[in-house]
């Protein structure tokens, strides 16, 4: 998960502001679980991390390089993709997140 190390990939304030509205962050790592402990502690990550050392999720989403950020709609479909480090405070990212949060919940 080293590509997060740029420091601005997941600013906690942006995530916290959106979390109350249903925004969820899930990181996916192809590292072994034992190597993630210090990383999670160092960056004080508070969101779930799906451990995928076999790369199954990477293949399903056609990930060719990391870091990459996918935004999924409430039905789980890809609504946006940001190659490289995503700037969550950018107007583009915020507009897409706000748009997705306006969608009705699945089945409702």
N, C-alpha and C. Protein backbone atom coordinates (compact mmCIF):
# COMPACT_ATOMS: atom_id res chain seq x y z
N UNK A 1 0.81 -1.20 0.00
CA UNK A 1 0.00 0.00 0.00
C UNK A 1 0.85 1.26 0.00
N UNK A 2 2.08 1.20 -0.25
CA UNK A 2 2.96 2.37 -0.22
C UNK A 2 2.49 3.55 -1.07
N UNK A 3 1.77 3.36 -2.18
CA UNK A 3 1.37 4.53 -2.96
C UNK A 3 0.56 5.56 -2.19
N UNK A 4 0.01 5.21 -1.06
CA UNK A 4 -0.68 6.20 -0.23
C UNK A 4 0.28 7.20 0.38
N UNK A 5 1.55 6.88 0.38
CA UNK A 5 2.50 7.64 1.17
C UNK A 5 2.70 9.08 0.72
N UNK A 6 2.05 9.51 -0.35
CA UNK A 6 2.10 10.91 -0.73
C UNK A 6 1.45 11.81 0.30
N UNK A 7 0.63 11.23 1.17
CA UNK A 7 0.09 11.97 2.29
C UNK A 7 -1.26 12.61 2.07
N UNK A 8 -1.69 12.84 0.83
CA UNK A 8 -2.95 13.55 0.60
C UNK A 8 -4.01 12.63 0.00
N UNK A 9 -3.74 11.34 -0.06
CA UNK A 9 -4.68 10.45 -0.73
C UNK A 9 -6.00 10.33 0.02
N UNK A 10 -5.97 10.26 1.34
CA UNK A 10 -7.18 10.09 2.12
C UNK A 10 -7.21 11.05 3.30
N UNK A 11 -7.39 12.33 3.05
CA UNK A 11 -7.45 13.26 4.18
C UNK A 11 -8.67 12.98 5.03
N UNK A 12 -8.44 12.75 6.31
CA UNK A 12 -9.52 12.36 7.21
C UNK A 12 -10.68 13.32 7.26
N UNK A 13 -10.42 14.62 7.18
CA UNK A 13 -11.50 15.59 7.26
C UNK A 13 -12.50 15.46 6.13
N UNK A 14 -12.02 15.21 4.94
CA UNK A 14 -12.92 15.07 3.78
C UNK A 14 -13.77 13.82 3.95
N UNK A 15 -13.14 12.73 4.35
CA UNK A 15 -13.87 11.49 4.54
C UNK A 15 -14.91 11.64 5.64
N UNK A 16 -14.54 12.23 6.76
CA UNK A 16 -15.46 12.40 7.87
C UNK A 16 -16.68 13.22 7.48
N UNK A 17 -16.46 14.26 6.71
CA UNK A 17 -17.56 15.12 6.29
C UNK A 17 -18.55 14.36 5.42
N UNK A 18 -18.08 13.44 4.61
CA UNK A 18 -18.95 12.71 3.69
C UNK A 18 -19.52 11.44 4.33
N UNK A 19 -18.85 10.92 5.35
CA UNK A 19 -19.25 9.65 5.96
C UNK A 19 -20.68 9.69 6.50
N UNK A 20 -21.05 10.79 7.11
CA UNK A 20 -22.39 10.92 7.67
C UNK A 20 -23.47 10.82 6.60
N UNK A 21 -23.09 11.09 5.36
CA UNK A 21 -24.05 11.04 4.26
C UNK A 21 -24.04 9.68 3.55
N UNK A 22 -23.22 8.75 4.02
CA UNK A 22 -23.20 7.43 3.41
C UNK A 22 -21.96 7.13 2.59
N UNK A 23 -20.99 8.03 2.58
CA UNK A 23 -19.75 7.81 1.83
C UNK A 23 -18.88 6.83 2.59
N UNK A 24 -18.44 5.79 1.91
CA UNK A 24 -17.64 4.75 2.54
C UNK A 24 -16.34 4.58 1.75
N UNK A 25 -15.24 4.50 2.47
CA UNK A 25 -13.94 4.24 1.86
C UNK A 25 -13.51 2.83 2.25
N UNK A 26 -13.10 2.07 1.26
CA UNK A 26 -12.51 0.75 1.49
C UNK A 26 -11.23 0.69 0.68
N UNK A 27 -10.12 0.46 1.35
CA UNK A 27 -8.85 0.31 0.64
C UNK A 27 -8.69 -1.15 0.25
N UNK A 28 -7.99 -1.39 -0.83
CA UNK A 28 -7.69 -2.75 -1.26
C UNK A 28 -6.18 -2.85 -1.37
N UNK A 29 -5.62 -3.83 -0.69
CA UNK A 29 -4.18 -4.00 -0.69
C UNK A 29 -3.82 -5.39 -1.20
N UNK A 30 -2.78 -5.45 -2.01
CA UNK A 30 -2.30 -6.76 -2.44
C UNK A 30 -1.11 -7.21 -1.59
N UNK A 31 -0.88 -6.52 -0.48
CA UNK A 31 0.16 -6.91 0.47
C UNK A 31 -0.36 -8.02 1.39
N UNK A 32 0.56 -8.67 2.06
CA UNK A 32 0.20 -9.65 3.08
C UNK A 32 -0.30 -8.90 4.31
N UNK A 33 -1.27 -9.47 5.04
CA UNK A 33 -1.82 -8.79 6.21
C UNK A 33 -0.75 -8.36 7.22
N UNK A 34 0.25 -9.18 7.42
CA UNK A 34 1.28 -8.86 8.41
C UNK A 34 2.05 -7.59 8.05
N UNK A 35 2.14 -7.27 6.78
CA UNK A 35 2.89 -6.08 6.38
C UNK A 35 2.04 -4.81 6.45
N UNK A 36 0.75 -4.95 6.70
CA UNK A 36 -0.14 -3.78 6.72
C UNK A 36 -0.24 -3.12 8.09
N UNK A 37 0.08 -3.87 9.14
CA UNK A 37 -0.13 -3.35 10.49
C UNK A 37 0.60 -2.03 10.72
N UNK A 38 1.88 -1.98 10.42
CA UNK A 38 2.63 -0.74 10.67
C UNK A 38 2.15 0.38 9.75
N UNK A 39 1.75 0.04 8.54
CA UNK A 39 1.26 1.05 7.60
C UNK A 39 -0.03 1.69 8.12
N UNK A 40 -0.95 0.86 8.58
CA UNK A 40 -2.22 1.35 9.12
C UNK A 40 -1.96 2.24 10.33
N UNK A 41 -1.05 1.82 11.19
CA UNK A 41 -0.72 2.62 12.36
C UNK A 41 -0.04 3.94 11.98
N UNK A 42 0.90 3.88 11.05
CA UNK A 42 1.64 5.07 10.64
C UNK A 42 0.72 6.15 10.07
N UNK A 43 -0.24 5.74 9.24
CA UNK A 43 -1.14 6.70 8.60
C UNK A 43 -2.47 6.86 9.32
N UNK A 44 -2.60 6.18 10.47
CA UNK A 44 -3.80 6.28 11.30
C UNK A 44 -5.07 6.05 10.49
N UNK A 45 -5.04 5.00 9.69
CA UNK A 45 -6.19 4.69 8.83
C UNK A 45 -7.34 4.16 9.68
N UNK A 46 -8.53 4.64 9.39
CA UNK A 46 -9.71 4.25 10.17
C UNK A 46 -10.77 3.57 9.31
N UNK A 47 -10.44 3.32 8.05
CA UNK A 47 -11.41 2.67 7.16
C UNK A 47 -10.96 1.23 6.93
N UNK A 48 -11.90 0.37 6.50
CA UNK A 48 -11.56 -1.04 6.29
C UNK A 48 -10.58 -1.22 5.12
N UNK A 49 -9.78 -2.27 5.24
CA UNK A 49 -8.85 -2.63 4.18
C UNK A 49 -9.13 -4.07 3.77
N UNK A 50 -9.48 -4.24 2.51
CA UNK A 50 -9.68 -5.57 1.96
C UNK A 50 -8.31 -6.09 1.54
N UNK A 51 -7.90 -7.21 2.10
CA UNK A 51 -6.59 -7.77 1.80
C UNK A 51 -6.75 -8.76 0.65
N UNK A 52 -6.05 -8.50 -0.43
CA UNK A 52 -6.20 -9.26 -1.68
C UNK A 52 -4.82 -9.65 -2.23
N UNK A 53 -4.07 -10.49 -1.49
CA UNK A 53 -2.71 -10.81 -1.94
C UNK A 53 -2.67 -11.58 -3.26
N UNK A 54 -3.75 -12.22 -3.63
CA UNK A 54 -3.79 -12.95 -4.90
C UNK A 54 -4.16 -12.04 -6.07
N UNK A 55 -4.61 -10.82 -5.79
CA UNK A 55 -4.92 -9.86 -6.84
C UNK A 55 -6.25 -10.08 -7.55
N UNK A 56 -7.16 -10.81 -6.92
CA UNK A 56 -8.46 -11.10 -7.55
C UNK A 56 -9.26 -9.83 -7.82
N UNK A 57 -9.33 -8.95 -6.84
CA UNK A 57 -10.08 -7.70 -7.03
C UNK A 57 -9.38 -6.81 -8.05
N UNK A 58 -8.06 -6.79 -8.01
CA UNK A 58 -7.30 -5.99 -8.99
C UNK A 58 -7.64 -6.44 -10.41
N UNK A 59 -7.73 -7.74 -10.61
CA UNK A 59 -8.06 -8.26 -11.95
C UNK A 59 -9.49 -7.91 -12.34
N UNK A 60 -10.43 -8.04 -11.41
CA UNK A 60 -11.83 -7.77 -11.73
C UNK A 60 -12.07 -6.31 -12.11
N UNK A 61 -11.28 -5.40 -11.53
CA UNK A 61 -11.42 -3.98 -11.83
C UNK A 61 -10.37 -3.49 -12.83
N UNK A 62 -9.66 -4.43 -13.41
CA UNK A 62 -8.65 -4.11 -14.44
C UNK A 62 -7.63 -3.07 -13.97
N UNK A 63 -7.19 -3.21 -12.73
CA UNK A 63 -6.19 -2.30 -12.18
C UNK A 63 -4.86 -2.59 -12.85
N UNK A 64 -4.28 -1.56 -13.46
CA UNK A 64 -3.01 -1.71 -14.17
C UNK A 64 -1.86 -1.06 -13.41
N UNK A 65 -2.17 -0.18 -12.50
CA UNK A 65 -1.14 0.49 -11.72
C UNK A 65 -1.75 1.06 -10.46
N UNK A 66 -0.94 1.29 -9.47
CA UNK A 66 -1.43 1.87 -8.23
C UNK A 66 -0.59 3.09 -7.89
N UNK A 67 -1.16 4.06 -7.25
CA UNK A 67 -2.51 4.07 -6.72
C UNK A 67 -3.55 4.37 -7.79
N UNK A 68 -4.74 3.90 -7.56
CA UNK A 68 -5.89 4.21 -8.39
C UNK A 68 -7.10 4.24 -7.47
N UNK A 69 -8.03 5.13 -7.74
CA UNK A 69 -9.23 5.25 -6.93
C UNK A 69 -10.44 5.05 -7.82
N UNK A 70 -11.34 4.19 -7.38
CA UNK A 70 -12.62 3.99 -8.06
C UNK A 70 -13.71 4.50 -7.14
N UNK A 71 -14.66 5.22 -7.70
CA UNK A 71 -15.86 5.58 -6.96
C UNK A 71 -16.99 4.74 -7.52
N UNK A 72 -17.69 4.06 -6.63
CA UNK A 72 -18.80 3.20 -7.02
C UNK A 72 -20.10 3.87 -6.63
N UNK A 73 -21.12 3.66 -7.46
CA UNK A 73 -22.43 4.20 -7.10
C UNK A 73 -23.07 3.26 -6.08
N UNK A 74 -24.28 3.59 -5.67
CA UNK A 74 -24.94 2.80 -4.63
C UNK A 74 -25.30 1.39 -5.08
N UNK A 75 -25.24 1.14 -6.38
CA UNK A 75 -25.50 -0.20 -6.90
C UNK A 75 -24.19 -0.97 -7.12
N UNK A 76 -23.07 -0.36 -6.79
CA UNK A 76 -21.78 -1.02 -6.92
C UNK A 76 -21.14 -0.90 -8.30
N UNK A 77 -21.69 -0.05 -9.15
CA UNK A 77 -21.13 0.17 -10.49
C UNK A 77 -20.08 1.27 -10.44
N UNK A 78 -19.06 1.15 -11.29
CA UNK A 78 -18.02 2.17 -11.35
C UNK A 78 -18.61 3.47 -11.89
N UNK A 79 -18.50 4.53 -11.08
CA UNK A 79 -19.03 5.83 -11.48
C UNK A 79 -17.90 6.82 -11.80
N UNK A 80 -16.72 6.52 -11.34
CA UNK A 80 -15.59 7.40 -11.60
C UNK A 80 -14.30 6.70 -11.28
N UNK A 81 -13.22 7.13 -11.93
CA UNK A 81 -11.91 6.53 -11.70
C UNK A 81 -10.87 7.63 -11.73
N UNK A 82 -10.00 7.61 -10.74
CA UNK A 82 -8.93 8.59 -10.63
C UNK A 82 -7.59 7.86 -10.61
N UNK A 83 -6.85 7.86 -11.72
CA UNK A 83 -5.52 7.24 -11.69
C UNK A 83 -4.56 8.13 -10.91
N UNK A 84 -3.60 7.52 -10.27
CA UNK A 84 -2.66 8.28 -9.45
C UNK A 84 -3.31 8.64 -8.13
N UNK A 85 -2.67 9.52 -7.39
CA UNK A 85 -3.24 9.92 -6.11
C UNK A 85 -4.44 10.82 -6.33
N UNK A 86 -5.54 10.47 -5.69
CA UNK A 86 -6.76 11.27 -5.80
C UNK A 86 -6.68 12.44 -4.83
N UNK A 87 -7.06 13.60 -5.29
CA UNK A 87 -7.15 14.77 -4.42
C UNK A 87 -8.61 14.92 -4.03
N UNK A 88 -8.95 14.41 -2.86
CA UNK A 88 -10.34 14.40 -2.41
C UNK A 88 -10.91 15.79 -2.22
N UNK A 89 -10.05 16.78 -2.10
CA UNK A 89 -10.56 18.14 -1.92
C UNK A 89 -10.77 18.86 -3.25
N UNK A 90 -10.44 18.20 -4.36
CA UNK A 90 -10.63 18.83 -5.67
C UNK A 90 -12.11 18.99 -5.98
N UNK A 91 -12.42 19.98 -6.80
CA UNK A 91 -13.82 20.21 -7.19
C UNK A 91 -14.38 19.01 -7.93
N UNK A 92 -13.57 18.38 -8.79
CA UNK A 92 -14.03 17.22 -9.56
C UNK A 92 -14.42 16.08 -8.63
N UNK A 93 -13.56 15.76 -7.67
CA UNK A 93 -13.84 14.66 -6.75
C UNK A 93 -15.06 14.97 -5.90
N UNK A 94 -15.12 16.18 -5.35
CA UNK A 94 -16.25 16.55 -4.50
C UNK A 94 -17.57 16.56 -5.26
N UNK A 95 -17.55 17.04 -6.50
CA UNK A 95 -18.78 17.07 -7.30
C UNK A 95 -19.28 15.66 -7.57
N UNK A 96 -18.38 14.74 -7.89
CA UNK A 96 -18.79 13.37 -8.16
C UNK A 96 -19.30 12.69 -6.90
N UNK A 97 -18.61 12.89 -5.79
CA UNK A 97 -19.07 12.31 -4.52
C UNK A 97 -20.44 12.86 -4.15
N UNK A 98 -20.62 14.17 -4.25
CA UNK A 98 -21.92 14.78 -3.93
C UNK A 98 -23.02 14.23 -4.83
N UNK A 99 -22.71 14.07 -6.11
CA UNK A 99 -23.69 13.52 -7.06
C UNK A 99 -24.07 12.09 -6.67
N UNK A 100 -23.08 11.29 -6.32
CA UNK A 100 -23.36 9.90 -5.95
C UNK A 100 -24.16 9.81 -4.66
N UNK A 101 -23.90 10.71 -3.73
CA UNK A 101 -24.63 10.69 -2.46
C UNK A 101 -26.08 11.13 -2.62
N UNK A 102 -26.41 11.80 -3.72
CA UNK A 102 -27.79 12.21 -3.98
C UNK A 102 -28.64 11.07 -4.53
N UNK A 103 -27.99 10.01 -5.01
CA UNK A 103 -28.73 8.87 -5.58
C UNK A 103 -29.52 8.17 -4.48
N UNK A 104 -30.68 7.63 -4.84
CA UNK A 104 -31.44 6.87 -3.86
C UNK A 104 -30.71 5.58 -3.51
N UNK A 105 -30.94 5.09 -2.31
CA UNK A 105 -30.36 3.83 -1.90
C UNK A 105 -30.89 2.70 -2.76
N UNK A 106 -30.09 1.68 -2.98
CA UNK A 106 -30.51 0.51 -3.76
C UNK A 106 -31.73 -0.11 -3.09
N UNK A 107 -32.72 -0.45 -3.90
CA UNK A 107 -33.93 -1.08 -3.38
C UNK A 107 -34.88 -0.10 -2.71
N UNK A 108 -34.57 1.19 -2.77
CA UNK A 108 -35.41 2.14 -2.07
C UNK A 108 -35.68 3.26 -2.93
